[in-house]
Amino acid sequence: MLASFTDRAPCKSKVRRPPSAAALAEAERLRGQATGSTAERVVIDLSTYAAVADRLRTAPTPEEETSE
């Protein structure tokens, strides 16, 4: 394990740069495509998830397991 250590300088970290004008223009173009799409009208109903989560909070009793 000690053989993997070195006295070399550490790797340079990635320089964080703000997005370029081209990147910002592309982001705006992509946002413009989503306007009026069905993705803006999606409604997530968590009632099914909540019902399953309620059932999973407790382990089934032996009577419940045999009745299934």
PDB file of N, CA and C in Angstrom:
ATOM      1  N   MET A   1       0.824  -1.185   0.000  1.00  0.00           N
ATOM      2  CA  MET A   1       0.000   0.000   0.000  1.00  0.00           C
ATOM      3  C   MET A   1       0.873   1.255   0.000  1.00  0.00           C
ATOM      4  N   LEU A   2       1.931   1.223   0.753  1.00  0.00           N
ATOM      5  CA  LEU A   2       2.786   2.406   0.827  1.00  0.00           C
ATOM      6  C   LEU A   2       3.468   2.701  -0.511  1.00  0.00           C
ATOM      7  N   ALA A   3       3.586   1.710  -1.365  1.00  0.00           N
ATOM      8  CA  ALA A   3       4.214   1.933  -2.667  1.00  0.00           C
ATOM      9  C   ALA A   3       3.377   2.846  -3.557  1.00  0.00           C
ATOM     10  N   SER A   4       2.071   2.939  -3.268  1.00  0.00           N
ATOM     11  CA  SER A   4       1.211   3.782  -4.099  1.00  0.00           C
ATOM     12  C   SER A   4       1.338   5.265  -3.766  1.00  0.00           C
ATOM     13  N   PHE A   5       1.957   5.606  -2.655  1.00  0.00           N
ATOM     14  CA  PHE A   5       2.144   7.010  -2.288  1.00  0.00           C
ATOM     15  C   PHE A   5       3.305   7.596  -3.079  1.00  0.00           C
ATOM     16  N   THR A   6       3.227   8.900  -3.316  1.00  0.00           N
ATOM     17  CA  THR A   6       4.266   9.570  -4.083  1.00  0.00           C
ATOM     18  C   THR A   6       4.526  10.950  -3.502  1.00  0.00           C
ATOM     19  N   ASP A   7       5.665  11.514  -3.844  1.00  0.00           N
ATOM     20  CA  ASP A   7       5.978  12.867  -3.375  1.00  0.00           C
ATOM     21  C   ASP A   7       5.743  13.895  -4.481  1.00  0.00           C
ATOM     22  N   ARG A   8       5.090  13.451  -5.583  1.00  0.00           N
ATOM     23  CA  ARG A   8       4.776  14.387  -6.668  1.00  0.00           C
ATOM     24  C   ARG A   8       3.711  15.385  -6.219  1.00  0.00           C
ATOM     25  N   ALA A   9       3.645  16.477  -6.924  1.00  0.00           N
ATOM     26  CA  ALA A   9       2.634  17.498  -6.629  1.00  0.00           C
ATOM     27  C   ALA A   9       1.235  16.929  -6.910  1.00  0.00           C
ATOM     28  N   PRO A  10       0.238  17.356  -6.158  1.00  0.00           N
ATOM     29  CA  PRO A  10      -1.107  16.838  -6.407  1.00  0.00           C
ATOM     30  C   PRO A  10      -1.631  17.280  -7.772  1.00  0.00           C
ATOM     31  N   CYS A  11      -2.589  16.553  -8.271  1.00  0.00           N
ATOM     32  CA  CYS A  11      -3.202  16.901  -9.560  1.00  0.00           C
ATOM     33  C   CYS A  11      -3.866  18.269  -9.460  1.00  0.00           C
ATOM     34  N   LYS A  12      -3.880  18.972 -10.562  1.00  0.00           N
ATOM     35  CA  LYS A  12      -4.562  20.261 -10.589  1.00  0.00           C
ATOM     36  C   LYS A  12      -6.063  20.022 -10.522  1.00  0.00           C
ATOM     37  N   SER A  13      -6.744  20.841  -9.768  1.00  0.00           N
ATOM     38  CA  SER A  13      -8.197  20.704  -9.697  1.00  0.00           C
ATOM     39  C   SER A  13      -8.827  21.441 -10.881  1.00  0.00           C
ATOM     40  N   LYS A  14     -10.035  21.050 -11.196  1.00  0.00           N
ATOM     41  CA  LYS A  14     -10.736  21.649 -12.326  1.00  0.00           C
ATOM     42  C   LYS A  14     -11.065  23.108 -12.005  1.00  0.00           C
ATOM     43  N   VAL A  15     -10.841  23.962 -12.966  1.00  0.00           N
ATOM     44  CA  VAL A  15     -11.131  25.374 -12.799  1.00  0.00           C
ATOM     45  C   VAL A  15     -12.614  25.590 -13.090  1.00  0.00           C
ATOM     46  N   ARG A  16     -13.293  26.242 -12.166  1.00  0.00           N
ATOM     47  CA  ARG A  16     -14.712  26.534 -12.364  1.00  0.00           C
ATOM     48  C   ARG A  16     -14.848  27.828 -13.145  1.00  0.00           C
ATOM     49  N   ARG A  17     -15.454  27.722 -14.293  1.00  0.00           N
ATOM     50  CA  ARG A  17     -15.651  28.896 -15.147  1.00  0.00           C
ATOM     51  C   ARG A  17     -17.140  29.123 -15.327  1.00  0.00           C
ATOM     52  N   PRO A  18     -17.563  30.367 -15.462  1.00  0.00           N
ATOM     53  CA  PRO A  18     -18.976  30.620 -15.749  1.00  0.00           C
ATOM     54  C   PRO A  18     -19.315  30.109 -17.142  1.00  0.00           C
ATOM     55  N   PRO A  19     -20.591  29.778 -17.375  1.00  0.00           N
ATOM     56  CA  PRO A  19     -20.968  29.275 -18.701  1.00  0.00           C
ATOM     57  C   PRO A  19     -20.701  30.323 -19.779  1.00  0.00           C
ATOM     58  N   SER A  20     -20.326  29.826 -20.936  1.00  0.00           N
ATOM     59  CA  SER A  20     -20.033  30.730 -22.050  1.00  0.00           C
ATOM     60  C   SER A  20     -21.338  31.278 -22.618  1.00  0.00           C
ATOM     61  N   ALA A  21     -21.210  32.278 -23.488  1.00  0.00           N
ATOM     62  CA  ALA A  21     -22.389  32.858 -24.133  1.00  0.00           C
ATOM     63  C   ALA A  21     -23.104  31.804 -24.971  1.00  0.00           C
ATOM     64  N   ALA A  22     -22.345  30.931 -25.626  1.00  0.00           N
ATOM     65  CA  ALA A  22     -22.950  29.865 -26.425  1.00  0.00           C
ATOM     66  C   ALA A  22     -23.725  28.893 -25.546  1.00  0.00           C
ATOM     67  N   ALA A  23     -23.178  28.565 -24.378  1.00  0.00           N
ATOM     68  CA  ALA A  23     -23.861  27.646 -23.461  1.00  0.00           C
ATOM     69  C   ALA A  23     -25.144  28.273 -22.924  1.00  0.00           C
ATOM     70  N   LEU A  24     -25.096  29.549 -22.602  1.00  0.00           N
ATOM     71  CA  LEU A  24     -26.300  30.231 -22.108  1.00  0.00           C
ATOM     72  C   LEU A  24     -27.366  30.310 -23.198  1.00  0.00           C
ATOM     73  N   ALA A  25     -26.940  30.557 -24.445  1.00  0.00           N
ATOM     74  CA  ALA A  25     -27.895  30.614 -25.552  1.00  0.00           C
ATOM     75  C   ALA A  25     -28.540  29.246 -25.777  1.00  0.00           C
ATOM     76  N   GLU A  26     -27.770  28.189 -25.681  1.00  0.00           N
ATOM     77  CA  GLU A  26     -28.312  26.838 -25.855  1.00  0.00           C
ATOM     78  C   GLU A  26     -29.290  26.502 -24.727  1.00  0.00           C
ATOM     79  N   ALA A  27     -28.970  26.912 -23.513  1.00  0.00           N
ATOM     80  CA  ALA A  27     -29.880  26.676 -22.395  1.00  0.00           C
ATOM     81  C   ALA A  27     -31.207  27.392 -22.607  1.00  0.00           C
ATOM     82  N   GLU A  28     -31.155  28.611 -23.085  1.00  0.00           N
ATOM     83  CA  GLU A  28     -32.383  29.356 -23.371  1.00  0.00           C
ATOM     84  C   GLU A  28     -33.184  28.692 -24.484  1.00  0.00           C
ATOM     85  N   ARG A  29     -32.476  28.188 -25.500  1.00  0.00           N
ATOM     86  CA  ARG A  29     -33.158  27.503 -26.597  1.00  0.00           C
ATOM     87  C   ARG A  29     -33.881  26.260 -26.074  1.00  0.00           C
ATOM     88  N   LEU A  30     -33.202  25.503 -25.222  1.00  0.00           N
ATOM     89  CA  LEU A  30     -33.826  24.298 -24.669  1.00  0.00           C
ATOM     90  C   LEU A  30     -35.013  24.638 -23.775  1.00  0.00           C
ATOM     91  N   ARG A  31     -34.886  25.707 -22.993  1.00  0.00           N
ATOM     92  CA  ARG A  31     -36.009  26.130 -22.151  1.00  0.00           C
ATOM     93  C   ARG A  31     -37.192  26.565 -23.006  1.00  0.00           C
ATOM     94  N   GLY A  32     -36.902  27.202 -24.135  1.00  0.00           N
ATOM     95  CA  GLY A  32     -37.955  27.645 -25.031  1.00  0.00           C
ATOM     96  C   GLY A  32     -38.721  26.493 -25.646  1.00  0.00           C
ATOM     97  N   GLN A  33     -38.067  25.376 -25.869  1.00  0.00           N
ATOM     98  CA  GLN A  33     -38.737  24.204 -26.423  1.00  0.00           C
ATOM     99  C   GLN A  33     -39.730  23.618 -25.431  1.00  0.00           C
ATOM    100  N   ALA A  34     -39.474  23.776 -24.143  1.00  0.00           N
ATOM    101  CA  ALA A  34     -40.342  23.189 -23.127  1.00  0.00           C
ATOM    102  C   ALA A  34     -41.595  24.034 -22.895  1.00  0.00           C
ATOM    103  N   THR A  35     -41.618  25.263 -23.367  1.00  0.00           N
ATOM    104  CA  THR A  35     -42.767  26.130 -23.153  1.00  0.00           C
ATOM    105  C   THR A  35     -44.005  25.526 -23.794  1.00  0.00           C
ATOM    106  N   GLY A  36     -45.046  25.393 -23.005  1.00  0.00           N
ATOM    107  CA  GLY A  36     -46.286  24.839 -23.508  1.00  0.00           C
ATOM    108  C   GLY A  36     -46.291  23.331 -23.597  1.00  0.00           C
ATOM    109  N   SER A  37     -45.232  22.698 -23.165  1.00  0.00           N
ATOM    110  CA  SER A  37     -45.188  21.235 -23.252  1.00  0.00           C
ATOM    111  C   SER A  37     -45.994  20.624 -22.115  1.00  0.00           C
ATOM    112  N   THR A  38     -46.261  19.347 -22.244  1.00  0.00           N
ATOM    113  CA  THR A  38     -47.013  18.649 -21.200  1.00  0.00           C
ATOM    114  C   THR A  38     -46.206  18.557 -19.911  1.00  0.00           C
ATOM    115  N   ALA A  39     -44.894  18.680 -19.985  1.00  0.00           N
ATOM    116  CA  ALA A  39     -44.062  18.596 -18.786  1.00  0.00           C
ATOM    117  C   ALA A  39     -44.397  19.704 -17.795  1.00  0.00           C
ATOM    118  N   GLU A  40     -44.859  20.835 -18.267  1.00  0.00           N
ATOM    119  CA  GLU A  40     -45.211  21.923 -17.361  1.00  0.00           C
ATOM    120  C   GLU A  40     -46.516  21.647 -16.626  1.00  0.00           C
ATOM    121  N   ARG A  41     -47.318  20.720 -17.126  1.00  0.00           N
ATOM    122  CA  ARG A  41     -48.616  20.452 -16.516  1.00  0.00           C
ATOM    123  C   ARG A  41     -48.646  19.153 -15.723  1.00  0.00           C
ATOM    124  N   VAL A  42     -47.497  18.504 -15.543  1.00  0.00           N
ATOM    125  CA  VAL A  42     -47.456  17.229 -14.836  1.00  0.00           C
ATOM    126  C   VAL A  42     -47.798  17.441 -13.368  1.00  0.00           C
ATOM    127  N   VAL A  43     -48.703  16.612 -12.889  1.00  0.00           N
ATOM    128  CA  VAL A  43     -49.061  16.639 -11.474  1.00  0.00           C
ATOM    129  C   VAL A  43     -48.726  15.276 -10.914  1.00  0.00           C
ATOM    130  N   ILE A  44     -47.963  15.251  -9.853  1.00  0.00           N
ATOM    131  CA  ILE A  44     -47.570  13.986  -9.254  1.00  0.00           C
ATOM    132  C   ILE A  44     -48.464  13.729  -8.056  1.00  0.00           C
ATOM    133  N   ASP A  45     -49.172  12.607  -8.095  1.00  0.00           N
ATOM    134  CA  ASP A  45     -50.059  12.218  -7.015  1.00  0.00           C
ATOM    135  C   ASP A  45     -49.324  11.205  -6.143  1.00  0.00           C
ATOM    136  N   LEU A  46     -49.023  11.589  -4.922  1.00  0.00           N
ATOM    137  CA  LEU A  46     -48.272  10.721  -4.026  1.00  0.00           C
ATOM    138  C   LEU A  46     -49.168   9.852  -3.154  1.00  0.00           C
ATOM    139  N   SER A  47     -50.460   9.806  -3.426  1.00  0.00           N
ATOM    140  CA  SER A  47     -51.354   9.016  -2.580  1.00  0.00           C
ATOM    141  C   SER A  47     -51.036   7.524  -2.671  1.00  0.00           C
ATOM    142  N   THR A  48     -50.688   7.030  -3.845  1.00  0.00           N
ATOM    143  CA  THR A  48     -50.333   5.610  -3.976  1.00  0.00           C
ATOM    144  C   THR A  48     -49.060   5.319  -3.197  1.00  0.00           C
ATOM    145  N   TYR A  49     -48.084   6.182  -3.316  1.00  0.00           N
ATOM    146  CA  TYR A  49     -46.848   6.012  -2.559  1.00  0.00           C
ATOM    147  C   TYR A  49     -47.128   6.024  -1.066  1.00  0.00           C
ATOM    148  N   ALA A  50     -47.954   6.951  -0.604  1.00  0.00           N
ATOM    149  CA  ALA A  50     -48.269   7.047   0.820  1.00  0.00           C
ATOM    150  C   ALA A  50     -48.969   5.784   1.310  1.00  0.00           C
ATOM    151  N   ALA A  51     -49.877   5.224   0.498  1.00  0.00           N
ATOM    152  CA  ALA A  51     -50.571   4.009   0.898  1.00  0.00           C
ATOM    153  C   ALA A  51     -49.602   2.841   1.033  1.00  0.00           C
ATOM    154  N   VAL A  52     -48.680   2.700   0.097  1.00  0.00           N
ATOM    155  CA  VAL A  52     -47.694   1.619   0.168  1.00  0.00           C
ATOM    156  C   VAL A  52     -46.765   1.835   1.354  1.00  0.00           C
ATOM    157  N   ALA A  53     -46.347   3.066   1.568  1.00  0.00           N
ATOM    158  CA  ALA A  53     -45.454   3.363   2.686  1.00  0.00           C
ATOM    159  C   ALA A  53     -46.136   3.046   4.013  1.00  0.00           C
ATOM    160  N   ASP A  54     -47.422   3.341   4.129  1.00  0.00           N
ATOM    161  CA  ASP A  54     -48.151   3.014   5.356  1.00  0.00           C
ATOM    162  C   ASP A  54     -48.181   1.512   5.596  1.00  0.00           C
ATOM    163  N   ARG A  55     -48.394   0.739   4.529  1.00  0.00           N
ATOM    164  CA  ARG A  55     -48.430  -0.718   4.674  1.00  0.00           C
ATOM    165  C   ARG A  55     -47.064  -1.273   5.049  1.00  0.00           C
ATOM    166  N   LEU A  56     -45.999  -0.645   4.600  1.00  0.00           N
ATOM    167  CA  LEU A  56     -44.653  -1.155   4.849  1.00  0.00           C
ATOM    168  C   LEU A  56     -44.073  -0.722   6.188  1.00  0.00           C
ATOM    169  N   ARG A  57     -44.764   0.136   6.895  1.00  0.00           N
ATOM    170  CA  ARG A  57     -44.241   0.600   8.193  1.00  0.00           C
ATOM    171  C   ARG A  57     -44.172  -0.521   9.209  1.00  0.00           C
ATOM    172  N   THR A  58     -45.050  -1.503   9.101  1.00  0.00           N
ATOM    173  CA  THR A  58     -45.041  -2.608  10.042  1.00  0.00           C
ATOM    174  C   THR A  58     -44.939  -3.919   9.271  1.00  0.00           C
ATOM    175  N   ALA A  59     -44.312  -4.900   9.888  1.00  0.00           N
ATOM    176  CA  ALA A  59     -44.205  -6.221   9.270  1.00  0.00           C
ATOM    177  C   ALA A  59     -45.558  -6.914   9.385  1.00  0.00           C
ATOM    178  N   PRO A  60     -45.946  -7.688   8.383  1.00  0.00           N
ATOM    179  CA  PRO A  60     -47.226  -8.385   8.462  1.00  0.00           C
ATOM    180  C   PRO A  60     -47.203  -9.448   9.559  1.00  0.00           C
ATOM    181  N   THR A  61     -48.338  -9.635  10.177  1.00  0.00           N
ATOM    182  CA  THR A  61     -48.453 -10.678  11.201  1.00  0.00           C
ATOM    183  C   THR A  61     -48.522 -12.029  10.502  1.00  0.00           C
ATOM    184  N   PRO A  62     -48.254 -13.123  11.202  1.00  0.00           N
ATOM    185  CA  PRO A  62     -48.348 -14.438  10.573  1.00  0.00           C
ATOM    186  C   PRO A  62     -49.745 -14.707   9.999  1.00  0.00           C
ATOM    187  N   GLU A  63     -50.796 -14.183  10.633  1.00  0.00           N
ATOM    188  CA  GLU A  63     -52.140 -14.377  10.129  1.00  0.00           C
ATOM    189  C   GLU A  63     -52.328 -13.681   8.780  1.00  0.00           C
ATOM    190  N   GLU A  64     -51.752 -12.471   8.656  1.00  0.00           N
ATOM    191  CA  GLU A  64     -51.855 -11.738   7.398  1.00  0.00           C
ATOM    192  C   GLU A  64     -51.082 -12.435   6.284  1.00  0.00           C
ATOM    193  N   GLU A  65     -49.947 -13.026   6.611  1.00  0.00           N
ATOM    194  CA  GLU A  65     -49.148 -13.719   5.605  1.00  0.00           C
ATOM    195  C   GLU A  65     -49.859 -14.954   5.078  1.00  0.00           C
ATOM    196  N   THR A  66     -50.556 -15.686   5.928  1.00  0.00           N
ATOM    197  CA  THR A  66     -51.214 -16.920   5.494  1.00  0.00           C
ATOM    198  C   THR A  66     -52.502 -16.611   4.739  1.00  0.00           C
ATOM    199  N   SER A  67     -53.116 -15.461   4.984  1.00  0.00           N
ATOM    200  CA  SER A  67     -54.372 -15.141   4.303  1.00  0.00           C
ATOM    201  C   SER A  67     -54.149 -14.706   2.860  1.00  0.00           C
ATOM    202  N   GLU A  68     -52.945 -14.358   2.500  1.00  0.00           N
ATOM    203  CA  GLU A  68     -52.662 -13.885   1.133  1.00  0.00           C
ATOM    204  C   GLU A  68     -52.471 -14.982   0.198  1.00  0.00           C
TER     205      GLU A  68
END
